[in-house]
Amino acid sequence: MAISNPFKESEVLDIYKNKSMLKWIVLAVSIFISTGSILYTNVLVEQLKDTERRYINLFAKSLENTINEDVNLTFLTQEIIAPNTSIPVIWADADGNPIDTRNIEVDSTRGIAHINAQLKEEMKIMEDIYTPIPIQISDDNDFQYIYYKNSFLLTQLTTYPYIQLSVIAIFGFIAYLAFSYSKTAEQNRVWVGLAKETAHQLGTPLSSLMAWLEHLKLDNDFKDQALVEELEKDIARLQMITERFSNIGSVPVLNEENVPKLINTIINYLRPRISSKVNIRVDTISENIIAKINAPLFEWVIENLCKNAVDAMSGVGNLHIKVMRGSDYKVFVDITDDGKGIPKSKIKQVFHAGFTTKKRGWGLGLTLVKRIIEIYHSGRIFVRSSEPDVGTTFRIVLSTKL
């Protein structure tokens, strides 16, 4: 009896394709938690502010009552001002001259004038934060004022959630970089292992085919037939494919290659093997544009992009390849088709593994193309332009020097 797999391939692929949505969900949850943390802390801050405000009002009222009852100022300072060990307070007269302070750091080595100037600057800061509390002196409507600001603990509590979130964000960013690096390294190992195994698997039948080809060449019945020549071309092609996979599995050697010539060689090979209704044109401003590339791998890239373009045009249309020199030792290769195009919402996904518009496609071709250009050639490849039912242009950027 067959055992059904609860994890269907389509479901796994859907999760993979929707990973960007999962990222947004995680981000939204993180923002929700962060906002909740800040709001809750702000509630605590407001409660503590209210407590300190009530304490200062009580402090001011006590001062007022004590002064009006002619209590000794020493008692006033020791019994009312001294117990406050956290809230910065300045007691000033109606002209703004400081009378006494609490929890204010001043430079005691300087003169009285300098200290008063420093306290007056502090009073301006306090006044911007909270309105000074008036203290009525006797019955002649003479007032003194209590200036104050948040305690150091309250200030710390106000900034704490932002510092906490910043630390968490930095830690999360570092963790993300470490995870991405680990994931990329793992993908590289998978690609290299797959490439080496493929090259190894191709080696045995290829050797056998070469032996059979030599046997057919010696057979007079096949000696002059075109069949032998075509078989020789296909075997040479298989050898090139094996070399490509070998290069993927090791560090490829980059050489100075004539880019237009190399592209024309690839196109001449592809023309008889694709639809005759596809018109391929290669344009270049010069026949001698040199770039540092690995020929077998670069041929693979052009071949893959051209086959994708033919599929996008359903075997009917125009394929235009343009080779140009750029600034800063760059070479540009534009590959343009007039196929069905790529929706704007999908452009950023075209190089992701698993993305394909074909019913039976694996979605690995453009991923491999991107790796070959960006990792092995230190270049760039991107969708320069694309419009539905108009066409798509891929641009490859290569370097003319290592």
Protein backbone atom coordinates (compact mmCIF):
# COMPACT_ATOMS: atom_id res chain seq x y z
CA MET A 1 0.00 0.00 0.00
CA ALA A 2 1.40 3.38 -0.95
CA ILE A 3 2.06 5.84 1.87
CA SER A 4 0.90 9.35 1.14
CA ASN A 5 3.27 12.20 1.84
CA PRO A 6 1.62 14.85 4.02
CA PHE A 7 4.06 17.47 2.72
CA LYS A 8 3.22 17.91 -0.92
CA GLU A 9 5.83 19.33 -3.25
CA SER A 10 3.48 22.15 -4.28
CA GLU A 11 3.01 23.18 -0.65
CA VAL A 12 6.76 23.25 -0.06
CA LEU A 13 7.29 25.32 -3.20
CA ASP A 14 4.48 27.69 -2.16
CA ILE A 15 6.20 28.27 1.17
CA TYR A 16 9.49 28.88 -0.61
CA LYS A 17 7.94 31.28 -3.13
CA ASN A 18 6.13 33.16 -0.36
CA LYS A 19 9.21 33.57 1.80
CA SER A 20 9.14 37.33 1.16
CA MET A 21 5.62 37.40 2.62
CA LEU A 22 6.88 35.48 5.65
CA LYS A 23 9.59 38.10 6.09
CA TRP A 24 6.96 40.83 6.10
CA ILE A 25 4.90 38.91 8.66
CA VAL A 26 7.93 38.51 10.93
CA LEU A 27 8.72 42.22 10.48
CA ALA A 28 5.12 43.17 11.29
CA VAL A 29 5.15 41.02 14.45
CA SER A 30 8.49 42.56 15.48
CA ILE A 31 7.12 46.07 14.97
CA PHE A 32 4.00 45.16 16.98
CA ILE A 33 6.10 43.84 19.87
CA SER A 34 8.43 46.86 19.73
CA THR A 35 5.52 49.31 19.63
CA GLY A 36 3.86 47.51 22.54
CA SER A 37 7.08 47.69 24.55
CA ILE A 38 7.46 51.43 23.89
CA LEU A 39 3.80 52.16 24.69
CA TYR A 40 3.93 50.18 27.93
CA THR A 41 7.14 51.93 28.97
CA ASN A 42 5.55 55.28 28.15
CA VAL A 43 2.65 54.39 30.46
CA LEU A 44 5.13 53.68 33.26
CA VAL A 45 6.96 56.92 32.47
CA GLU A 46 3.74 58.94 32.68
CA GLN A 47 2.88 57.32 36.00
CA LEU A 48 6.32 58.11 37.38
CA LYS A 49 6.09 61.67 36.01
CA ASP A 50 2.76 62.11 37.77
CA THR A 51 4.28 60.79 41.02
CA GLU A 52 7.23 63.19 40.77
CA ARG A 53 4.92 66.08 39.86
CA ARG A 54 2.74 65.44 42.91
CA TYR A 55 5.84 65.17 45.06
CA ILE A 56 7.17 68.53 43.84
CA ASN A 57 3.77 70.17 44.36
CA LEU A 58 3.73 68.80 47.89
CA PHE A 59 7.29 70.01 48.31
CA ALA A 60 6.32 73.51 47.11
CA LYS A 61 3.24 73.63 49.34
CA SER A 62 5.30 72.60 52.34
CA LEU A 63 7.80 75.33 51.55
CA GLU A 64 5.05 77.89 51.26
CA ASN A 65 3.44 76.94 54.56
CA THR A 66 6.76 76.72 56.33
CA ILE A 67 7.94 80.15 55.11
CA ASN A 68 4.67 81.85 56.00
CA GLU A 69 4.88 80.41 59.52
CA ASP A 70 8.44 81.80 59.91
CA VAL A 71 10.07 78.42 60.47
CA ASN A 72 13.87 78.44 60.63
CA LEU A 73 15.39 78.03 57.11
CA THR A 74 17.86 75.46 58.40
CA PHE A 75 14.92 73.28 59.41
CA LEU A 76 13.36 73.96 56.00
CA THR A 77 16.47 72.82 54.15
CA GLN A 78 17.17 69.75 56.27
CA GLU A 79 13.63 68.46 56.68
CA ILE A 80 12.04 69.30 53.30
CA ILE A 81 14.75 69.78 50.65
CA ALA A 82 17.25 67.20 51.90
CA PRO A 83 14.96 64.11 51.64
CA ASN A 84 14.72 64.66 47.88
CA THR A 85 17.67 62.67 46.51
CA SER A 86 16.60 62.19 42.91
CA ILE A 87 14.60 65.09 41.44
CA PRO A 88 16.69 68.12 40.33
CA VAL A 89 15.20 71.23 41.99
CA ILE A 90 16.11 74.94 42.07
CA TRP A 91 14.38 77.29 44.51
CA ALA A 92 14.50 80.88 43.17
CA ASP A 93 13.10 84.28 44.09
CA ALA A 94 10.78 86.43 42.00
CA ASP A 95 13.76 87.92 40.10
CA GLY A 96 15.05 84.50 39.10
CA ASN A 97 17.95 84.44 41.54
CA PRO A 98 18.66 80.96 42.93
CA ILE A 99 18.11 80.57 46.66
CA ASP A 100 18.82 76.86 47.07
CA THR A 101 19.24 73.75 44.96
CA ARG A 102 18.98 70.02 45.20
CA ASN A 103 20.49 67.33 42.95
CA ILE A 104 22.15 69.91 40.69
CA GLU A 105 25.81 69.50 39.81
CA VAL A 106 27.72 72.78 39.93
CA ASP A 107 31.40 73.61 39.69
CA SER A 108 32.11 74.53 43.29
CA THR A 109 35.64 75.67 42.40
CA ARG A 110 34.27 78.66 40.47
CA GLY A 111 32.95 81.91 41.89
CA ILE A 112 29.41 82.71 42.99
CA ALA A 113 28.70 84.67 39.81
CA HIS A 114 29.68 81.72 37.62
CA ILE A 115 27.61 79.28 39.71
CA ASN A 116 24.55 81.58 39.54
CA ALA A 117 24.95 81.87 35.77
CA GLN A 118 25.14 78.10 35.50
CA LEU A 119 22.01 77.69 37.66
CA LYS A 120 20.10 80.26 35.60
CA GLU A 121 20.91 78.31 32.42
CA GLU A 122 19.64 75.19 34.16
CA MET A 123 16.47 77.05 35.18
CA LYS A 124 15.80 77.92 31.52
CA ILE A 125 16.06 74.23 30.61
CA MET A 126 13.74 73.28 33.48
CA GLU A 127 11.23 75.96 32.47
CA ASP A 128 11.05 74.47 28.97
CA ILE A 129 10.16 71.09 30.49
CA TYR A 130 7.79 72.04 33.31
CA THR A 131 6.13 75.30 34.35
CA PRO A 132 7.74 76.56 37.58
CA ILE A 133 5.58 76.16 40.69
CA PRO A 134 4.87 79.51 42.44
CA ILE A 135 5.20 79.89 46.23
CA GLN A 136 3.31 82.79 47.78
CA ILE A 137 5.30 84.64 50.45
CA SER A 138 3.12 86.11 53.31
CA ASP A 139 0.15 88.22 52.27
CA ASP A 140 1.80 90.81 50.03
CA ASN A 141 1.51 88.73 46.83
CA ASP A 142 5.27 88.25 46.67
CA PHE A 143 6.17 84.96 44.97
CA GLN A 144 9.13 82.62 44.79
CA TYR A 145 9.38 79.69 42.38
CA ILE A 146 10.31 76.04 42.34
CA TYR A 147 12.03 74.90 39.12
CA TYR A 148 12.41 71.17 38.49
CA LYS A 149 12.89 68.53 35.80
CA ASN A 150 12.72 64.75 35.46
CA SER A 151 14.85 62.65 37.76
CA PHE A 152 17.75 60.70 36.33
CA LEU A 153 15.78 57.46 36.83
CA LEU A 154 12.83 58.84 34.86
CA THR A 155 15.13 60.01 32.07
CA GLN A 156 16.71 56.56 31.92
CA LEU A 157 13.30 54.89 31.84
CA THR A 158 12.21 57.17 28.99
CA THR A 159 15.20 56.28 26.79
CA TYR A 160 15.53 52.65 27.90
CA PRO A 161 13.10 51.06 25.39
CA TYR A 162 14.81 52.81 22.46
CA ILE A 163 18.24 51.71 23.64
CA GLN A 164 16.90 48.21 24.20
CA LEU A 165 15.32 48.07 20.74
CA SER A 166 18.52 49.41 19.17
CA VAL A 167 20.58 46.70 20.84
CA ILE A 168 18.06 44.05 19.77
CA ALA A 169 18.07 45.44 16.21
CA ILE A 170 21.87 45.38 16.04
CA PHE A 171 21.95 41.85 17.43
CA GLY A 172 19.23 40.78 14.99
CA PHE A 173 21.14 42.33 12.09
CA ILE A 174 24.34 40.53 13.06
CA ALA A 175 22.41 37.27 13.49
CA TYR A 176 20.79 37.81 10.07
CA LEU A 177 24.19 38.37 8.44
CA ALA A 178 25.57 35.25 10.12
CA PHE A 179 22.54 33.23 9.02
CA SER A 180 22.72 34.56 5.46
CA TYR A 181 26.43 33.80 5.26
CA SER A 182 25.84 30.29 6.60
CA LYS A 183 22.97 29.75 4.18
CA THR A 184 25.03 31.02 1.24
CA ALA A 185 27.96 28.80 2.22
CA GLU A 186 25.63 25.81 2.43
CA GLN A 187 24.15 26.61 -0.98
CA ASN A 188 27.65 26.90 -2.41
CA ARG A 189 28.55 23.47 -1.06
CA VAL A 190 25.38 22.01 -2.59
CA TRP A 191 26.08 23.62 -5.96
CA VAL A 192 29.70 22.49 -5.98
CA GLY A 193 28.80 18.96 -4.91
CA LEU A 194 26.05 18.72 -7.53
CA ALA A 195 28.34 20.07 -10.25
CA LYS A 196 31.18 17.67 -9.44
CA GLU A 197 28.84 14.70 -9.27
CA THR A 198 27.24 15.65 -12.61
CA ALA A 199 30.65 15.98 -14.27
CA HIS A 200 31.64 12.60 -12.82
CA GLN A 201 28.43 10.93 -14.02
CA LEU A 202 28.86 12.34 -17.54
CA GLY A 203 32.42 11.10 -17.77
CA THR A 204 31.71 7.37 -18.16
CA PRO A 205 29.10 7.46 -20.96
CA LEU A 206 31.07 10.20 -22.70
CA SER A 207 34.16 8.02 -22.82
CA SER A 208 32.06 5.20 -24.22
CA LEU A 209 30.55 7.44 -26.90
CA MET A 210 34.01 8.62 -27.94
CA ALA A 211 35.12 5.02 -28.35
CA TRP A 212 32.04 4.19 -30.44
CA LEU A 213 32.66 7.29 -32.58
CA GLU A 214 36.19 6.14 -33.35
CA HIS A 215 34.78 2.72 -34.24
CA LEU A 216 32.28 4.30 -36.66
CA LYS A 217 35.04 6.35 -38.29
CA LEU A 218 36.91 3.14 -39.09
CA ASP A 219 33.77 1.53 -40.53
CA ASN A 220 33.64 2.11 -44.27
CA ASP A 221 29.82 2.12 -44.21
CA PHE A 222 29.77 5.24 -42.00
CA LYS A 223 33.08 6.84 -42.88
CA ASP A 224 31.77 9.51 -45.25
CA GLN A 225 28.29 10.01 -43.80
CA ALA A 226 27.13 13.23 -42.16
CA LEU A 227 25.94 11.16 -39.21
CA VAL A 228 29.49 10.75 -37.96
CA GLU A 229 30.14 14.48 -38.21
CA GLU A 230 26.99 15.32 -36.26
CA LEU A 231 27.83 12.74 -33.61
CA GLU A 232 31.27 14.30 -33.31
CA LYS A 233 29.69 17.74 -32.75
CA ASP A 234 27.35 16.38 -30.08
CA ILE A 235 30.20 14.60 -28.29
CA ALA A 236 32.22 17.82 -28.38
CA ARG A 237 29.19 19.53 -26.91
CA LEU A 238 28.96 16.96 -24.13
CA GLN A 239 32.64 17.48 -23.42
CA MET A 240 31.99 21.22 -23.11
CA ILE A 241 29.06 20.59 -20.75
CA THR A 242 31.28 18.34 -18.62
CA GLU A 243 33.90 21.08 -18.55
CA ARG A 244 31.26 23.59 -17.48
CA PHE A 245 30.23 21.48 -14.51
CA SER A 246 33.88 20.91 -13.65
CA ASN A 247 34.44 24.67 -13.63
CA ILE A 248 31.40 25.16 -11.37
CA GLY A 249 32.92 22.70 -8.93
CA SER A 250 36.26 24.53 -8.80
CA VAL A 251 37.68 28.02 -9.12
CA PRO A 252 37.40 28.86 -12.85
CA VAL A 253 40.26 30.50 -14.69
CA LEU A 254 39.39 33.83 -16.31
CA ASN A 255 41.10 34.70 -19.57
CA GLU A 256 40.96 37.61 -21.97
CA GLU A 257 38.31 36.63 -24.52
CA ASN A 258 36.81 38.37 -27.53
CA VAL A 259 33.20 38.76 -26.37
CA PRO A 260 31.50 39.40 -29.78
CA LYS A 261 33.36 36.49 -31.35
CA LEU A 262 32.45 34.16 -28.49
CA ILE A 263 28.78 35.17 -28.65
CA ASN A 264 28.65 34.66 -32.40
CA THR A 265 30.10 31.18 -31.94
CA ILE A 266 27.33 30.35 -29.46
CA ILE A 267 24.62 31.79 -31.71
CA ASN A 268 25.91 29.83 -34.74
CA TYR A 269 25.58 26.66 -32.66
CA LEU A 270 22.07 27.56 -31.43
CA ARG A 271 20.53 28.67 -34.76
CA PRO A 272 19.99 25.18 -36.24
CA ARG A 273 18.82 23.87 -32.85
CA ILE A 274 16.04 26.35 -32.09
CA SER A 275 12.92 27.43 -33.97
CA SER A 276 13.60 28.73 -37.45
CA LYS A 277 10.98 31.42 -36.78
CA VAL A 278 13.27 33.17 -34.32
CA ASN A 279 15.43 35.87 -35.87
CA ILE A 280 18.70 36.33 -33.94
CA ARG A 281 20.80 39.44 -34.47
CA VAL A 282 24.14 40.28 -32.82
CA ASP A 283 25.32 43.92 -32.92
CA THR A 284 28.52 45.40 -31.58
CA ILE A 285 30.29 48.73 -31.90
CA SER A 286 33.57 46.87 -32.37
CA GLU A 287 34.62 43.35 -33.25
CA ASN A 288 37.42 43.52 -30.69
CA ILE A 289 35.80 43.95 -27.29
CA ILE A 290 37.81 42.02 -24.72
CA ALA A 291 36.70 40.95 -21.24
CA LYS A 292 38.03 38.66 -18.50
CA ILE A 293 35.79 35.61 -18.66
CA ASN A 294 35.73 31.84 -18.51
CA ALA A 295 34.61 30.84 -22.00
CA PRO A 296 32.74 27.58 -21.21
CA LEU A 297 30.81 29.16 -18.34
CA PHE A 298 30.05 32.36 -20.24
CA GLU A 299 28.79 30.33 -23.20
CA TRP A 300 26.49 28.54 -20.76
CA VAL A 301 25.11 31.88 -19.59
CA ILE A 302 24.39 33.16 -23.12
CA GLU A 303 22.90 29.83 -24.16
CA ASN A 304 20.61 29.76 -21.14
CA LEU A 305 19.42 33.34 -21.63
CA CYS A 306 18.80 32.76 -25.35
CA LYS A 307 16.80 29.58 -24.72
CA ASN A 308 14.72 31.38 -22.09
CA ALA A 309 14.10 34.18 -24.59
CA VAL A 310 12.97 31.69 -27.25
CA ASP A 311 10.59 30.09 -24.74
CA ALA A 312 9.24 33.55 -23.79
CA MET A 313 8.50 34.22 -27.48
CA SER A 314 6.92 30.76 -27.93
CA GLY A 315 9.39 30.05 -30.75
CA VAL A 316 8.40 33.09 -32.85
CA GLY A 317 10.01 36.54 -32.66
CA ASN A 318 13.22 38.56 -32.62
CA LEU A 319 16.22 38.09 -30.36
CA HIS A 320 18.69 40.97 -30.29
CA ILE A 321 22.11 40.78 -28.60
CA LYS A 322 24.13 43.97 -28.26
CA VAL A 323 27.74 44.16 -27.02
CA MET A 324 29.04 47.55 -25.81
CA ARG A 325 32.02 49.07 -24.06
CA GLY A 326 31.27 50.91 -20.85
CA SER A 327 33.19 53.21 -18.54
CA ASP A 328 35.47 52.01 -15.72
CA TYR A 329 36.73 48.99 -17.68
CA LYS A 330 33.25 47.53 -18.12
CA VAL A 331 31.64 45.57 -20.95
CA PHE A 332 27.85 45.46 -21.35
CA VAL A 333 25.93 42.65 -23.03
CA ASP A 334 22.20 43.30 -23.56
CA ILE A 335 19.95 40.40 -24.57
CA THR A 336 16.51 41.57 -25.73
CA ASP A 337 13.49 39.55 -26.80
CA ASP A 338 9.97 40.59 -27.83
CA GLY A 339 8.25 37.89 -25.83
CA LYS A 340 5.56 37.98 -23.16
CA GLY A 341 7.67 39.98 -20.69
CA ILE A 342 7.86 39.78 -16.91
CA PRO A 343 5.32 41.43 -14.56
CA LYS A 344 6.89 44.14 -12.37
CA SER A 345 5.89 42.23 -9.25
CA LYS A 346 7.96 39.24 -10.41
CA ILE A 347 11.13 40.97 -11.67
CA LYS A 348 12.93 40.72 -8.32
CA GLN A 349 12.17 36.99 -8.14
CA VAL A 350 13.46 35.87 -11.54
CA PHE A 351 16.90 34.93 -10.19
CA HIS A 352 15.54 33.07 -7.15
CA ALA A 353 15.83 29.29 -7.12
CA GLY A 354 12.45 27.73 -7.82
CA PHE A 355 11.03 30.65 -9.80
CA THR A 356 9.80 29.57 -13.23
CA THR A 357 6.97 30.32 -15.64
CA LYS A 358 7.19 26.86 -17.21
CA LYS A 359 4.86 24.09 -16.09
CA ARG A 360 7.70 21.59 -15.85
CA GLY A 361 10.55 23.96 -15.11
CA TRP A 362 12.79 23.68 -12.06
CA GLY A 363 13.60 27.39 -11.87
CA LEU A 364 17.37 26.87 -11.65
CA GLY A 365 18.58 28.27 -14.97
CA LEU A 366 18.63 31.97 -14.10
CA THR A 367 19.85 31.19 -10.59
CA LEU A 368 22.84 29.42 -12.10
CA VAL A 369 23.35 32.26 -14.58
CA LYS A 370 23.45 34.79 -11.74
CA ARG A 371 25.96 32.70 -9.78
CA ILE A 372 28.23 32.30 -12.81
CA ILE A 373 28.26 36.03 -13.59
CA GLU A 374 28.39 37.46 -10.07
CA ILE A 375 30.44 34.85 -8.17
CA TYR A 376 32.80 33.49 -10.82
CA HIS A 377 33.16 36.61 -12.97
CA SER A 378 32.64 39.32 -10.29
CA GLY A 379 30.14 40.94 -12.66
CA ARG A 380 26.45 41.77 -12.56
CA ILE A 381 23.30 40.57 -14.28
CA PHE A 382 19.88 42.15 -13.92
CA VAL A 383 16.63 42.81 -15.74
CA ARG A 384 17.24 46.16 -17.40
CA SER A 385 13.67 46.49 -18.64
CA SER A 386 10.58 44.36 -19.09
CA GLU A 387 6.98 45.01 -20.11
CA PRO A 388 4.19 42.46 -20.48
CA ASP A 389 3.56 41.56 -24.14
CA VAL A 390 6.43 43.84 -25.21
CA GLY A 391 9.60 42.02 -24.21
CA THR A 392 12.49 41.79 -21.78
CA THR A 393 16.09 42.97 -21.73
CA PHE A 394 18.70 41.30 -19.54
CA ARG A 395 21.98 43.15 -19.05
CA ILE A 396 25.30 41.47 -18.21
CA VAL A 397 28.13 43.62 -16.88
CA LEU A 398 31.65 42.22 -17.23
CA SER A 399 35.09 43.59 -16.41
CA THR A 400 37.94 44.06 -18.86
CA LYS A 401 40.50 43.47 -16.11
CA LEU A 402 40.87 41.25 -13.06
